[in-house]
C-alpha atoms as a PDB file:
ATOM      1  CA  UNK A   1      -0.421   0.240  -0.043  1.00  0.00           C
ATOM      2  CA  UNK A   2       3.013   2.320   0.327  1.00  0.00           C
ATOM      3  CA  UNK A   3       5.056   1.389  -2.036  1.00  0.00           C
ATOM      4  CA  UNK A   4       1.214   1.929  -4.591  1.00  0.00           C
ATOM      5  CA  UNK A   5       0.377   5.886  -3.358  1.00  0.00           C
ATOM      6  CA  UNK A   6       4.512   6.560  -3.862  1.00  0.00           C
ATOM      7  CA  UNK A   7       4.195   5.833  -6.768  1.00  0.00           C
ATOM      8  CA  UNK A   8       0.644   7.718  -7.323  1.00  0.00           C
ATOM      9  CA  UNK A   9       2.220  10.395  -4.986  1.00  0.00           C
ATOM     10  CA  UNK A  10       4.811  10.644  -8.181  1.00  0.00           C
ATOM     11  CA  UNK A  11       2.408   9.752 -10.882  1.00  0.00           C
ATOM     12  CA  UNK A  12       0.614  13.326  -9.477  1.00  0.00           C
ATOM     13  CA  UNK A  13       3.839  16.021  -9.451  1.00  0.00           C
ATOM     14  CA  UNK A  14       5.177  14.140 -12.455  1.00  0.00           C
ATOM     15  CA  UNK A  15       1.323  15.340 -13.940  1.00  0.00           C
ATOM     16  CA  UNK A  16       1.905  18.625 -11.908  1.00  0.00           C
ATOM     17  CA  UNK A  17       5.326  19.357 -13.556  1.00  0.00           C
ATOM     18  CA  UNK A  18       3.331  19.102 -16.700  1.00  0.00           C
ATOM     19  CA  UNK A  19       0.529  20.931 -16.673  1.00  0.00           C
ATOM     20  CA  UNK A  20       2.203  23.920 -15.664  1.00  0.00           C
ATOM     21  CA  UNK A  21       4.265  24.181 -18.476  1.00  0.00           C
ATOM     22  CA  UNK A  22       1.409  23.707 -20.537  1.00  0.00           C
ATOM     23  CA  UNK A  23      -0.191  25.956 -18.245  1.00  0.00           C
ATOM     24  CA  UNK A  24       1.951  29.543 -18.252  1.00  0.00           C
ATOM     25  CA  UNK A  25       2.714  29.605 -21.897  1.00  0.00           C
ATOM     26  CA  UNK A  26       2.385  33.085 -22.577  1.00  0.00           C
ATOM     27  CA  UNK A  27      -0.338  34.083 -25.544  1.00  0.00           C
ATOM     28  CA  UNK A  28       0.810  33.853 -28.798  1.00  0.00           C
ATOM     29  CA  UNK A  29      -1.746  36.272 -31.013  1.00  0.00           C
ATOM     30  CA  UNK A  30      -2.240  34.806 -35.030  1.00  0.00           C
ATOM     31  CA  UNK A  31      -5.252  34.889 -37.815  1.00  0.00           C
ATOM     32  CA  UNK A  32      -6.282  31.013 -37.075  1.00  0.00           C
ATOM     33  CA  UNK A  33      -5.734  31.365 -33.866  1.00  0.00           C
ATOM     34  CA  UNK A  34      -5.602  33.037 -30.136  1.00  0.00           C
ATOM     35  CA  UNK A  35      -3.099  31.658 -28.036  1.00  0.00           C
ATOM     36  CA  UNK A  36      -0.009  29.509 -29.031  1.00  0.00           C
ATOM     37  CA  UNK A  37       2.269  27.445 -27.469  1.00  0.00           C
ATOM     38  CA  UNK A  38       5.744  28.222 -26.440  1.00  0.00           C
ATOM     39  CA  UNK A  39       7.092  26.012 -29.227  1.00  0.00           C
ATOM     40  CA  UNK A  40       5.071  27.843 -31.550  1.00  0.00           C
ATOM     41  CA  UNK A  41       6.454  31.541 -30.499  1.00  0.00           C
ATOM     42  CA  UNK A  42       9.899  29.887 -31.006  1.00  0.00           C
ATOM     43  CA  UNK A  43       9.473  29.018 -34.543  1.00  0.00           C
ATOM     44  CA  UNK A  44       7.230  31.649 -35.591  1.00  0.00           C
ATOM     45  CA  UNK A  45      10.291  33.962 -33.972  1.00  0.00           C
ATOM     46  CA  UNK A  46      12.710  31.631 -36.157  1.00  0.00           C
ATOM     47  CA  UNK A  47      11.494  32.004 -39.494  1.00  0.00           C
ATOM     48  CA  UNK A  48      11.383  35.298 -38.977  1.00  0.00           C
ATOM     49  CA  UNK A  49      14.706  35.286 -38.763  1.00  0.00           C
ATOM     50  CA  UNK A  50      15.881  33.816 -42.320  1.00  0.00           C
ATOM     51  CA  UNK A  51      17.444  35.607 -44.659  1.00  0.00           C
ATOM     52  CA  UNK A  52      14.821  36.820 -47.533  1.00  0.00           C
ATOM     53  CA  UNK A  53      13.166  34.621 -45.440  1.00  0.00           C
ATOM     54  CA  UNK A  54      14.877  31.088 -47.554  1.00  0.00           C
ATOM     55  CA  UNK A  55      18.584  31.157 -45.767  1.00  0.00           C
ATOM     56  CA  UNK A  56      20.337  31.219 -43.012  1.00  0.00           C
ATOM     57  CA  UNK A  57      24.238  32.751 -43.521  1.00  0.00           C
ATOM     58  CA  UNK A  58      27.412  32.260 -42.090  1.00  0.00           C
ATOM     59  CA  UNK A  59      30.462  35.407 -42.265  1.00  0.00           C
ATOM     60  CA  UNK A  60      33.350  34.639 -41.648  1.00  0.00           C
ATOM     61  CA  UNK A  61      36.354  37.035 -42.295  1.00  0.00           C
ATOM     62  CA  UNK A  62      34.089  39.210 -43.372  1.00  0.00           C
ATOM     63  CA  UNK A  63      32.949  37.427 -45.862  1.00  0.00           C
ATOM     64  CA  UNK A  64      28.466  35.822 -45.698  1.00  0.00           C
ATOM     65  CA  UNK A  65      28.683  32.024 -47.229  1.00  0.00           C
ATOM     66  CA  UNK A  66      25.387  30.545 -46.568  1.00  0.00           C
ATOM     67  CA  UNK A  67      24.564  28.437 -43.796  1.00  0.00           C
ATOM     68  CA  UNK A  68      23.086  25.090 -45.225  1.00  0.00           C
ATOM     69  CA  UNK A  69      23.480  23.207 -41.713  1.00  0.00           C
ATOM     70  CA  UNK A  70      21.104  25.490 -39.726  1.00  0.00           C
ATOM     71  CA  UNK A  71      18.808  26.203 -42.505  1.00  0.00           C
ATOM     72  CA  UNK A  72      17.424  22.757 -41.995  1.00  0.00           C
ATOM     73  CA  UNK A  73      17.517  22.446 -38.238  1.00  0.00           C
ATOM     74  CA  UNK A  74      14.995  25.794 -38.961  1.00  0.00           C
ATOM     75  CA  UNK A  75      13.576  23.044 -40.754  1.00  0.00           C
ATOM     76  CA  UNK A  76      13.182  20.950 -38.512  1.00  0.00           C
ATOM     77  CA  UNK A  77      12.074  23.360 -36.092  1.00  0.00           C
ATOM     78  CA  UNK A  78       9.258  24.050 -38.055  1.00  0.00           C
ATOM     79  CA  UNK A  79       7.812  20.358 -38.291  1.00  0.00           C
ATOM     80  CA  UNK A  80       8.617  19.813 -35.052  1.00  0.00           C
ATOM     81  CA  UNK A  81       6.235  23.263 -34.042  1.00  0.00           C
ATOM     82  CA  UNK A  82       3.821  23.164 -36.566  1.00  0.00           C
ATOM     83  CA  UNK A  83       3.968  27.062 -37.759  1.00  0.00           C
ATOM     84  CA  UNK A  84       5.677  28.382 -40.391  1.00  0.00           C
ATOM     85  CA  UNK A  85       4.750  25.137 -42.397  1.00  0.00           C
ATOM     86  CA  UNK A  86       5.164  28.253 -46.031  1.00  0.00           C
ATOM     87  CA  UNK A  87       9.050  28.841 -44.058  1.00  0.00           C
ATOM     88  CA  UNK A  88       9.667  25.466 -44.508  1.00  0.00           C
ATOM     89  CA  UNK A  89       9.280  24.336 -47.579  1.00  0.00           C
ATOM     90  CA  UNK A  90      10.967  27.468 -48.900  1.00  0.00           C
ATOM     91  CA  UNK A  91      14.323  26.579 -46.731  1.00  0.00           C
ATOM     92  CA  UNK A  92      14.034  23.224 -48.101  1.00  0.00           C
ATOM     93  CA  UNK A  93      13.652  24.492 -51.644  1.00  0.00           C
ATOM     94  CA  UNK A  94      17.138  27.026 -51.473  1.00  0.00           C
ATOM     95  CA  UNK A  95      19.421  24.319 -49.686  1.00  0.00           C
ATOM     96  CA  UNK A  96      18.276  21.214 -52.522  1.00  0.00           C
ATOM     97  CA  UNK A  97      19.355  24.230 -54.948  1.00  0.00           C
ATOM     98  CA  UNK A  98      21.900  22.823 -57.748  1.00  0.00           C
ATOM     99  CA  UNK A  99      24.667  25.332 -56.646  1.00  0.00           C
ATOM    100  CA  UNK A 100      23.228  25.269 -52.821  1.00  0.00           C
ATOM    101  CA  UNK A 101      22.376  21.413 -52.422  1.00  0.00           C
ATOM    102  CA  UNK A 102      26.533  20.159 -54.281  1.00  0.00           C
ATOM    103  CA  UNK A 103      28.430  23.225 -51.584  1.00  0.00           C
ATOM    104  CA  UNK A 104      27.050  20.945 -48.615  1.00  0.00           C
ATOM    105  CA  UNK A 105      26.902  17.780 -50.040  1.00  0.00           C
ATOM    106  CA  UNK A 106      29.741  18.002 -52.665  1.00  0.00           C
ATOM    107  CA  UNK A 107      29.625  16.750 -55.942  1.00  0.00           C
ATOM    108  CA  UNK A 108      29.407  13.362 -54.915  1.00  0.00           C
ATOM    109  CA  UNK A 109      32.323  11.689 -57.173  1.00  0.00           C
ATOM    110  CA  UNK A 110      35.510  13.694 -55.968  1.00  0.00           C
ATOM    111  CA  UNK A 111      33.567  14.615 -52.924  1.00  0.00           C
ATOM    112  CA  UNK A 112      30.717  13.309 -50.484  1.00  0.00           C
ATOM    113  CA  UNK A 113      29.725  14.316 -47.315  1.00  0.00           C
ATOM    114  CA  UNK A 114      28.130  11.981 -45.279  1.00  0.00           C
ATOM    115  CA  UNK A 115      26.723  13.926 -42.277  1.00  0.00           C
ATOM    116  CA  UNK A 116      25.476  16.518 -44.959  1.00  0.00           C
ATOM    117  CA  UNK A 117      24.090  13.951 -47.555  1.00  0.00           C
ATOM    118  CA  UNK A 118      21.811  11.825 -44.036  1.00  0.00           C
ATOM    119  CA  UNK A 119      21.051  15.736 -42.696  1.00  0.00           C
ATOM    120  CA  UNK A 120      19.150  16.551 -45.884  1.00  0.00           C
ATOM    121  CA  UNK A 121      18.059  13.364 -47.433  1.00  0.00           C
ATOM    122  CA  UNK A 122      15.923  13.322 -43.520  1.00  0.00           C
ATOM    123  CA  UNK A 123      14.719  16.699 -43.921  1.00  0.00           C
ATOM    124  CA  UNK A 124      13.612  15.936 -47.470  1.00  0.00           C
ATOM    125  CA  UNK A 125      11.609  12.842 -46.351  1.00  0.00           C
ATOM    126  CA  UNK A 126      10.030  15.169 -42.950  1.00  0.00           C
ATOM    127  CA  UNK A 127       8.131  17.557 -45.548  1.00  0.00           C
ATOM    128  CA  UNK A 128       7.323  14.509 -47.724  1.00  0.00           C
ATOM    129  CA  UNK A 129       9.528  14.615 -50.111  1.00  0.00           C
ATOM    130  CA  UNK A 130      11.845  11.092 -52.031  1.00  0.00           C
ATOM    131  CA  UNK A 131      15.141  12.091 -50.710  1.00  0.00           C
ATOM    132  CA  UNK A 132      15.566   9.321 -54.082  1.00  0.00           C
ATOM    133  CA  UNK A 133      15.670  12.195 -56.305  1.00  0.00           C
ATOM    134  CA  UNK A 134      16.644  15.753 -54.901  1.00  0.00           C
ATOM    135  CA  UNK A 135      16.784  17.505 -58.383  1.00  0.00           C
ATOM    136  CA  UNK A 136      18.448  14.484 -60.232  1.00  0.00           C
ATOM    137  CA  UNK A 137      19.930  12.865 -57.328  1.00  0.00           C
ATOM    138  CA  UNK A 138      19.652  10.134 -55.831  1.00  0.00           C
ATOM    139  CA  UNK A 139      20.119  11.268 -51.508  1.00  0.00           C
ATOM    140  CA  UNK A 140      19.420   7.673 -50.176  1.00  0.00           C
ATOM    141  CA  UNK A 141      22.260   5.665 -53.454  1.00  0.00           C
ATOM    142  CA  UNK A 142      24.835   8.002 -52.582  1.00  0.00           C
ATOM    143  CA  UNK A 143      24.739   8.136 -48.524  1.00  0.00           C
ATOM    144  CA  UNK A 144      24.988   4.621 -48.722  1.00  0.00           C
ATOM    145  CA  UNK A 145      27.559   4.073 -50.992  1.00  0.00           C
ATOM    146  CA  UNK A 146      29.777   6.166 -48.032  1.00  0.00           C
ATOM    147  CA  UNK A 147      28.739   3.281 -46.038  1.00  0.00           C
ATOM    148  CA  UNK A 148      32.485   1.622 -45.080  1.00  0.00           C
ATOM    149  CA  UNK A 149      32.567  -2.339 -45.019  1.00  0.00           C
ATOM    150  CA  UNK A 150      32.702  -2.047 -40.721  1.00  0.00           C
ATOM    151  CA  UNK A 151      29.573  -0.269 -41.163  1.00  0.00           C
ATOM    152  CA  UNK A 152      30.942   3.451 -40.713  1.00  0.00           C
ATOM    153  CA  UNK A 153      29.639   6.116 -43.148  1.00  0.00           C
ATOM    154  CA  UNK A 154      32.033   8.138 -44.166  1.00  0.00           C
ATOM    155  CA  UNK A 155      32.942  11.237 -45.736  1.00  0.00           C
ATOM    156  CA  UNK A 156      35.026  10.811 -49.391  1.00  0.00           C
ATOM    157  CA  UNK A 157      37.174  13.986 -49.691  1.00  0.00           C
ATOM    158  CA  UNK A 158      40.733  15.095 -50.033  1.00  0.00           C
ATOM    159  CA  UNK A 159      40.282  17.097 -47.179  1.00  0.00           C
ATOM    160  CA  UNK A 160      40.272  14.030 -44.685  1.00  0.00           C
ATOM    161  CA  UNK A 161      37.530  12.372 -43.854  1.00  0.00           C
ATOM    162  CA  UNK A 162      34.995  14.669 -40.605  1.00  0.00           C
ATOM    163  CA  UNK A 163      32.277  12.555 -40.264  1.00  0.00           C
ATOM    164  CA  UNK A 164      31.264  11.430 -36.832  1.00  0.00           C
ATOM    165  CA  UNK A 165      28.798  10.674 -33.469  1.00  0.00           C
ATOM    166  CA  UNK A 166      26.415  12.736 -35.810  1.00  0.00           C
ATOM    167  CA  UNK A 167      26.941  11.509 -39.646  1.00  0.00           C
ATOM    168  CA  UNK A 168      26.384   8.632 -38.757  1.00  0.00           C
ATOM    169  CA  UNK A 169      23.808   8.502 -36.705  1.00  0.00           C
ATOM    170  CA  UNK A 170      21.071  11.074 -39.091  1.00  0.00           C
ATOM    171  CA  UNK A 171      22.042   8.058 -41.683  1.00  0.00           C
ATOM    172  CA  UNK A 172      20.769   5.522 -39.524  1.00  0.00           C
ATOM    173  CA  UNK A 173      18.030   7.770 -38.984  1.00  0.00           C
ATOM    174  CA  UNK A 174      17.619   8.840 -42.720  1.00  0.00           C
ATOM    175  CA  UNK A 175      17.605   5.366 -43.941  1.00  0.00           C
ATOM    176  CA  UNK A 176      15.314   3.973 -41.216  1.00  0.00           C
ATOM    177  CA  UNK A 177      12.472   5.927 -43.595  1.00  0.00           C
ATOM    178  CA  UNK A 178      12.967   3.706 -46.625  1.00  0.00           C
ATOM    179  CA  UNK A 179      11.835   0.202 -47.616  1.00  0.00           C
ATOM    180  CA  UNK A 180      14.804  -1.213 -46.766  1.00  0.00           C
ATOM    181  CA  UNK A 181      15.643  -0.369 -44.185  1.00  0.00           C
ATOM    182  CA  UNK A 182      18.397   1.284 -41.239  1.00  0.00           C
ATOM    183  CA  UNK A 183      21.302  -1.597 -41.939  1.00  0.00           C
ATOM    184  CA  UNK A 184      22.435  -3.376 -38.859  1.00  0.00           C
ATOM    185  CA  UNK A 185      25.692  -2.738 -39.674  1.00  0.00           C
ATOM    186  CA  UNK A 186      25.515   0.875 -39.530  1.00  0.00           C
ATOM    187  CA  UNK A 187      24.004   0.340 -36.075  1.00  0.00           C
ATOM    188  CA  UNK A 188      25.937  -1.588 -34.550  1.00  0.00           C
ATOM    189  CA  UNK A 189      29.198   0.046 -35.781  1.00  0.00           C
ATOM    190  CA  UNK A 190      27.460   3.103 -34.160  1.00  0.00           C
ATOM    191  CA  UNK A 191      26.371   0.980 -30.852  1.00  0.00           C
ATOM    192  CA  UNK A 192      30.075  -0.271 -30.514  1.00  0.00           C
ATOM    193  CA  UNK A 193      31.340   3.704 -29.845  1.00  0.00           C
ATOM    194  CA  UNK A 194      30.225   3.371 -26.733  1.00  0.00           C
ATOM    195  CA  UNK A 195      31.969   4.747 -23.789  1.00  0.00           C
ATOM    196  CA  UNK A 196      32.095   2.842 -20.427  1.00  0.00           C
ATOM    197  CA  UNK A 197      29.738   5.279 -18.695  1.00  0.00           C
ATOM    198  CA  UNK A 198      27.101   4.236 -20.897  1.00  0.00           C
ATOM    199  CA  UNK A 199      27.502   7.623 -23.029  1.00  0.00           C
ATOM    200  CA  UNK A 200      28.443   8.557 -26.559  1.00  0.00           C
ATOM    201  CA  UNK A 201      31.662   9.734 -28.473  1.00  0.00           C
ATOM    202  CA  UNK A 202      31.577  12.431 -31.377  1.00  0.00           C
ATOM    203  CA  UNK A 203      34.496  11.443 -32.852  1.00  0.00           C
ATOM    204  CA  UNK A 204      35.149   7.226 -32.548  1.00  0.00           C
ATOM    205  CA  UNK A 205      38.814   5.663 -31.305  1.00  0.00           C
ATOM    206  CA  UNK A 206      39.799   8.240 -29.729  1.00  0.00           C
ATOM    207  CA  UNK A 207      42.257   7.662 -27.190  1.00  0.00           C
ATOM    208  CA  UNK A 208      39.890   8.498 -23.963  1.00  0.00           C
ATOM    209  CA  UNK A 209      37.016   8.154 -24.587  1.00  0.00           C
ATOM    210  CA  UNK A 210      34.476  10.509 -23.939  1.00  0.00           C
ATOM    211  CA  UNK A 211      31.008  11.085 -23.695  1.00  0.00           C
ATOM    212  CA  UNK A 212      29.086  13.766 -25.402  1.00  0.00           C
ATOM    213  CA  UNK A 213      26.137  15.364 -24.051  1.00  0.00           C
ATOM    214  CA  UNK A 214      24.700  15.984 -28.337  1.00  0.00           C
ATOM    215  CA  UNK A 215      25.784  13.108 -30.260  1.00  0.00           C
ATOM    216  CA  UNK A 216      24.653  10.771 -27.010  1.00  0.00           C
ATOM    217  CA  UNK A 217      21.468  12.319 -27.905  1.00  0.00           C
ATOM    218  CA  UNK A 218      21.055  11.606 -31.623  1.00  0.00           C
ATOM    219  CA  UNK A 219      22.591   8.996 -31.414  1.00  0.00           C
ATOM    220  CA  UNK A 220      20.437   6.931 -28.248  1.00  0.00           C
ATOM    221  CA  UNK A 221      17.141   8.464 -31.206  1.00  0.00           C
ATOM    222  CA  UNK A 222      19.544   6.282 -34.386  1.00  0.00           C
ATOM    223  CA  UNK A 223      19.802   3.680 -32.478  1.00  0.00           C
ATOM    224  CA  UNK A 224      15.874   3.163 -31.024  1.00  0.00           C
ATOM    225  CA  UNK A 225      15.102   4.239 -35.194  1.00  0.00           C
ATOM    226  CA  UNK A 226      17.027   1.225 -36.213  1.00  0.00           C
ATOM    227  CA  UNK A 227      15.699  -1.729 -33.127  1.00  0.00           C
ATOM    228  CA  UNK A 228      18.508  -1.043 -30.595  1.00  0.00           C
ATOM    229  CA  UNK A 229      16.614  -0.659 -27.513  1.00  0.00           C
ATOM    230  CA  UNK A 230      19.493  -1.388 -24.996  1.00  0.00           C
ATOM    231  CA  UNK A 231      22.070   0.770 -26.196  1.00  0.00           C
ATOM    232  CA  UNK A 232      19.790   3.261 -27.270  1.00  0.00           C
ATOM    233  CA  UNK A 233      18.431   3.127 -22.896  1.00  0.00           C
ATOM    234  CA  UNK A 234      22.277   3.072 -21.842  1.00  0.00           C
ATOM    235  CA  UNK A 235      22.810   6.552 -24.020  1.00  0.00           C
ATOM    236  CA  UNK A 236      19.575   8.006 -22.041  1.00  0.00           C
ATOM    237  CA  UNK A 237      20.584   6.839 -18.340  1.00  0.00           C
ATOM    238  CA  UNK A 238      24.072   8.860 -18.937  1.00  0.00           C
ATOM    239  CA  UNK A 239      22.309  11.792 -19.818  1.00  0.00           C
ATOM    240  CA  UNK A 240      20.048  11.262 -17.335  1.00  0.00           C
ATOM    241  CA  UNK A 241      23.575  11.163 -14.851  1.00  0.00           C
ATOM    242  CA  UNK A 242      24.436  14.114 -15.978  1.00  0.00           C
ATOM    243  CA  UNK A 243      21.626  16.611 -15.916  1.00  0.00           C
ATOM    244  CA  UNK A 244      22.279  19.761 -14.405  1.00  0.00           C
ATOM    245  CA  UNK A 245      20.200  20.555 -10.826  1.00  0.00           C
ATOM    246  CA  UNK A 246      18.364  23.106 -12.859  1.00  0.00           C
ATOM    247  CA  UNK A 247      17.111  20.822 -15.774  1.00  0.00           C
ATOM    248  CA  UNK A 248      20.476  22.136 -17.766  1.00  0.00           C
ATOM    249  CA  UNK A 249      23.178  20.127 -20.255  1.00  0.00           C
ATOM    250  CA  UNK A 250      26.219  20.913 -20.963  1.00  0.00           C
ATOM    251  CA  UNK A 251      29.771  19.369 -23.009  1.00  0.00           C
ATOM    252  CA  UNK A 252      32.432  19.441 -21.391  1.00  0.00           C
ATOM    253  CA  UNK A 253      31.801  21.204 -18.599  1.00  0.00           C
ATOM    254  CA  UNK A 254      30.713  24.541 -20.029  1.00  0.00           C
ATOM    255  CA  UNK A 255      27.669  26.612 -18.942  1.00  0.00           C
ATOM    256  CA  UNK A 256      24.395  24.988 -19.339  1.00  0.00           C
ATOM    257  CA  UNK A 257      22.930  25.833 -22.784  1.00  0.00           C
ATOM    258  CA  UNK A 258      19.499  25.990 -25.024  1.00  0.00           C
ATOM    259  CA  UNK A 259      21.462  23.377 -27.465  1.00  0.00           C
ATOM    260  CA  UNK A 260      22.124  20.191 -25.812  1.00  0.00           C
ATOM    261  CA  UNK A 261      19.558  20.876 -23.359  1.00  0.00           C
ATOM    262  CA  UNK A 262      17.760  21.037 -26.198  1.00  0.00           C
ATOM    263  CA  UNK A 263      18.987  18.158 -28.405  1.00  0.00           C
ATOM    264  CA  UNK A 264      18.898  15.663 -24.982  1.00  0.00           C
ATOM    265  CA  UNK A 265      15.766  16.848 -23.588  1.00  0.00           C
ATOM    266  CA  UNK A 266      13.891  15.781 -27.172  1.00  0.00           C
ATOM    267  CA  UNK A 267      15.237  12.604 -26.858  1.00  0.00           C
ATOM    268  CA  UNK A 268      14.362  11.963 -23.433  1.00  0.00           C
ATOM    269  CA  UNK A 269      10.904  12.462 -24.225  1.00  0.00           C
ATOM    270  CA  UNK A 270      11.318   9.951 -26.994  1.00  0.00           C
ATOM    271  CA  UNK A 271      13.101   7.993 -24.581  1.00  0.00           C
ATOM    272  CA  UNK A 272      10.083   7.899 -22.466  1.00  0.00           C
ATOM    273  CA  UNK A 273      12.451   9.371 -19.813  1.00  0.00           C
ATOM    274  CA  UNK A 274       9.710  12.251 -18.605  1.00  0.00           C
ATOM    275  CA  UNK A 275      10.005  13.569 -15.626  1.00  0.00           C
ATOM    276  CA  UNK A 276      13.663  14.290 -16.574  1.00  0.00           C
ATOM    277  CA  UNK A 277      12.436  15.378 -20.003  1.00  0.00           C
ATOM    278  CA  UNK A 278       9.887  17.636 -17.938  1.00  0.00           C
ATOM    279  CA  UNK A 279      13.347  19.626 -16.233  1.00  0.00           C
ATOM    280  CA  UNK A 280      14.874  19.809 -19.048  1.00  0.00           C
ATOM    281  CA  UNK A 281      11.564  21.534 -20.907  1.00  0.00           C
ATOM    282  CA  UNK A 282      11.369  23.863 -17.594  1.00  0.00           C
ATOM    283  CA  UNK A 283      15.153  24.897 -17.968  1.00  0.00           C
ATOM    284  CA  UNK A 284      14.862  25.680 -21.978  1.00  0.00           C
ATOM    285  CA  UNK A 285      11.180  27.992 -21.101  1.00  0.00           C
ATOM    286  CA  UNK A 286      12.857  29.710 -19.039  1.00  0.00           C
ATOM    287  CA  UNK A 287      15.890  30.969 -21.485  1.00  0.00           C
ATOM    288  CA  UNK A 288      12.605  32.131 -24.044  1.00  0.00           C
ATOM    289  CA  UNK A 289      12.289  35.551 -24.186  1.00  0.00           C
ATOM    290  CA  UNK A 290       8.334  36.573 -23.284  1.00  0.00           C
ATOM    291  CA  UNK A 291       6.988  40.562 -22.458  1.00  0.00           C
ATOM    292  CA  UNK A 292       9.769  42.142 -20.994  1.00  0.00           C
ATOM    293  CA  UNK A 293      11.836  41.636 -24.105  1.00  0.00           C
ATOM    294  CA  UNK A 294      12.828  43.607 -26.714  1.00  0.00           C
ATOM    295  CA  UNK A 295      10.430  42.788 -30.063  1.00  0.00           C
ATOM    296  CA  UNK A 296      12.522  41.793 -32.244  1.00  0.00           C
ATOM    297  CA  UNK A 297      13.773  38.725 -29.983  1.00  0.00           C
ATOM    298  CA  UNK A 298      10.297  37.923 -27.049  1.00  0.00           C
ATOM    299  CA  UNK A 299       9.984  33.858 -29.124  1.00  0.00           C
ATOM    300  CA  UNK A 300      13.425  32.825 -28.572  1.00  0.00           C
ATOM    301  CA  UNK A 301      15.204  30.608 -27.394  1.00  0.00           C
ATOM    302  CA  UNK A 302      18.195  32.598 -25.586  1.00  0.00           C
ATOM    303  CA  UNK A 303      21.797  30.267 -25.796  1.00  0.00           C
ATOM    304  CA  UNK A 304      22.320  30.222 -21.469  1.00  0.00           C
ATOM    305  CA  UNK A 305      20.616  33.198 -19.957  1.00  0.00           C
ATOM    306  CA  UNK A 306      23.668  35.462 -20.126  1.00  0.00           C
ATOM    307  CA  UNK A 307      22.091  37.772 -21.689  1.00  0.00           C
ATOM    308  CA  UNK A 308      19.825  38.133 -25.823  1.00  0.00           C
ATOM    309  CA  UNK A 309      23.092  37.381 -28.324  1.00  0.00           C
ATOM    310  CA  UNK A 310      20.938  37.798 -31.576  1.00  0.00           C
ATOM    311  CA  UNK A 311      24.144  35.914 -33.455  1.00  0.00           C
ATOM    312  CA  UNK A 312      23.789  32.506 -30.721  1.00  0.00           C
ATOM    313  CA  UNK A 313      19.742  33.010 -30.641  1.00  0.00           C
ATOM    314  CA  UNK A 314      18.619  31.082 -34.305  1.00  0.00           C
ATOM    315  CA  UNK A 315      20.637  28.146 -32.925  1.00  0.00           C
ATOM    316  CA  UNK A 316      19.850  27.862 -29.638  1.00  0.00           C
ATOM    317  CA  UNK A 317      16.137  28.153 -30.859  1.00  0.00           C
ATOM    318  CA  UNK A 318      16.525  25.810 -33.681  1.00  0.00           C
ATOM    319  CA  UNK A 319      17.304  23.134 -30.948  1.00  0.00           C
ATOM    320  CA  UNK A 320      15.318  24.376 -28.271  1.00  0.00           C
ATOM    321  CA  UNK A 321      11.638  24.204 -29.046  1.00  0.00           C
ATOM    322  CA  UNK A 322      13.249  20.327 -30.266  1.00  0.00           C
ATOM    323  CA  UNK A 323      13.364  19.824 -26.148  1.00  0.00           C
ATOM    324  CA  UNK A 324      10.125  21.867 -25.466  1.00  0.00           C
ATOM    325  CA  UNK A 325       8.106  19.718 -27.776  1.00  0.00           C
ATOM    326  CA  UNK A 326       9.824  16.269 -27.170  1.00  0.00           C
ATOM    327  CA  UNK A 327       9.075  15.628 -30.884  1.00  0.00           C
ATOM    328  CA  UNK A 328      12.073  13.085 -32.046  1.00  0.00           C
ATOM    329  CA  UNK A 329      13.813  12.911 -35.074  1.00  0.00           C
ATOM    330  CA  UNK A 330      12.100   9.277 -36.297  1.00  0.00           C
ATOM    331  CA  UNK A 331       7.989  10.924 -35.332  1.00  0.00           C
ATOM    332  CA  UNK A 332       8.783  14.779 -36.692  1.00  0.00           C
ATOM    333  CA  UNK A 333       7.070  14.834 -39.904  1.00  0.00           C
ATOM    334  CA  UNK A 334       5.134  18.829 -41.719  1.00  0.00           C
ATOM    335  CA  UNK A 335       2.514  17.159 -42.346  1.00  0.00           C
ATOM    336  CA  UNK A 336      -0.539  19.544 -41.468  1.00  0.00           C
ATOM    337  CA  UNK A 337       2.033  21.936 -40.709  1.00  0.00           C
ATOM    338  CA  UNK A 338       0.560  26.193 -40.340  1.00  0.00           C
ATOM    339  CA  UNK A 339       2.252  28.568 -42.428  1.00  0.00           C
ATOM    340  CA  UNK A 340       3.079  31.755 -41.617  1.00  0.00           C
ATOM    341  CA  UNK A 341       5.034  33.141 -38.269  1.00  0.00           C
ATOM    342  CA  UNK A 342       3.321  33.349 -35.464  1.00  0.00           C
ATOM    343  CA  UNK A 343       4.351  36.515 -32.749  1.00  0.00           C
ATOM    344  CA  UNK A 344       3.594  36.805 -28.696  1.00  0.00           C
ATOM    345  CA  UNK A 345       0.812  39.286 -27.851  1.00  0.00           C
ATOM    346  CA  UNK A 346       1.683  41.919 -25.047  1.00  0.00           C
ATOM    347  CA  UNK A 347      -0.101  44.292 -23.620  1.00  0.00           C
END
């Protein structure tokens, strides 16, 4: 009887936390609805940051470069929040333009990058497209051609192999959505990189295996999708063990931040670790700019709460909404998303 009552109290506490997170969501104005959620407000802000409504850019030494990776993060974020569908379509159309696409993926002959190929293939799938025909390029066939006999997906490049846990995980997530499914050897290779503490490293075969929050969050999702629940569970247990008292996550002893916490929270919700997800979600909600912030910043998620930085906020917001919604990459879909970029309704 004591055990049963304790369980009831735990469930009641969890439900109370989740309810509080929902009930304290600020109102958002939009033509199609009276009030929107925190993730939707973040998605609306993110959409308004796109250059020409279609892309993100990076500046290095005064030179502007296309940022295909962040633009795809926005595509995932719009699908997760269910808003800005028109921006998601325009963003994917921009990334798949031959000049922009090939600058990101490589030409497929002398240069081919596994992580970029897998991430773009997954984004196409999330938006309901065919990754086997992206402007005449079969991303699935190209991705499979980059798998080594050991199961690792590696870059083909004169500049070296920069593939990592993200490359492998995105490859498994994209291929899992195909008729042939994710290759068992590829899933086994990723599982085999696990560190003794249960987490996963960003780079394999290092002198000291060092678990990485971001890599573990993505690997756990990929391994669940590839039917290796025990290997995913080890990573999830490690994530729970390194969660900070405030609910946040950080890498390498750094400051808890929206990027790592967003990815970790997404994995925790996908892996049914609901109390840990609720704490991470509360941390992310605390970083979101509300009505007290500058009008142009409202809805955005700050990187670490140390002062709003417009340079880091787009990536922080894109990854934070994955944790706020808790929708895993394996289940992401843009189907039914609303157009337009909603904004907070403040007095």
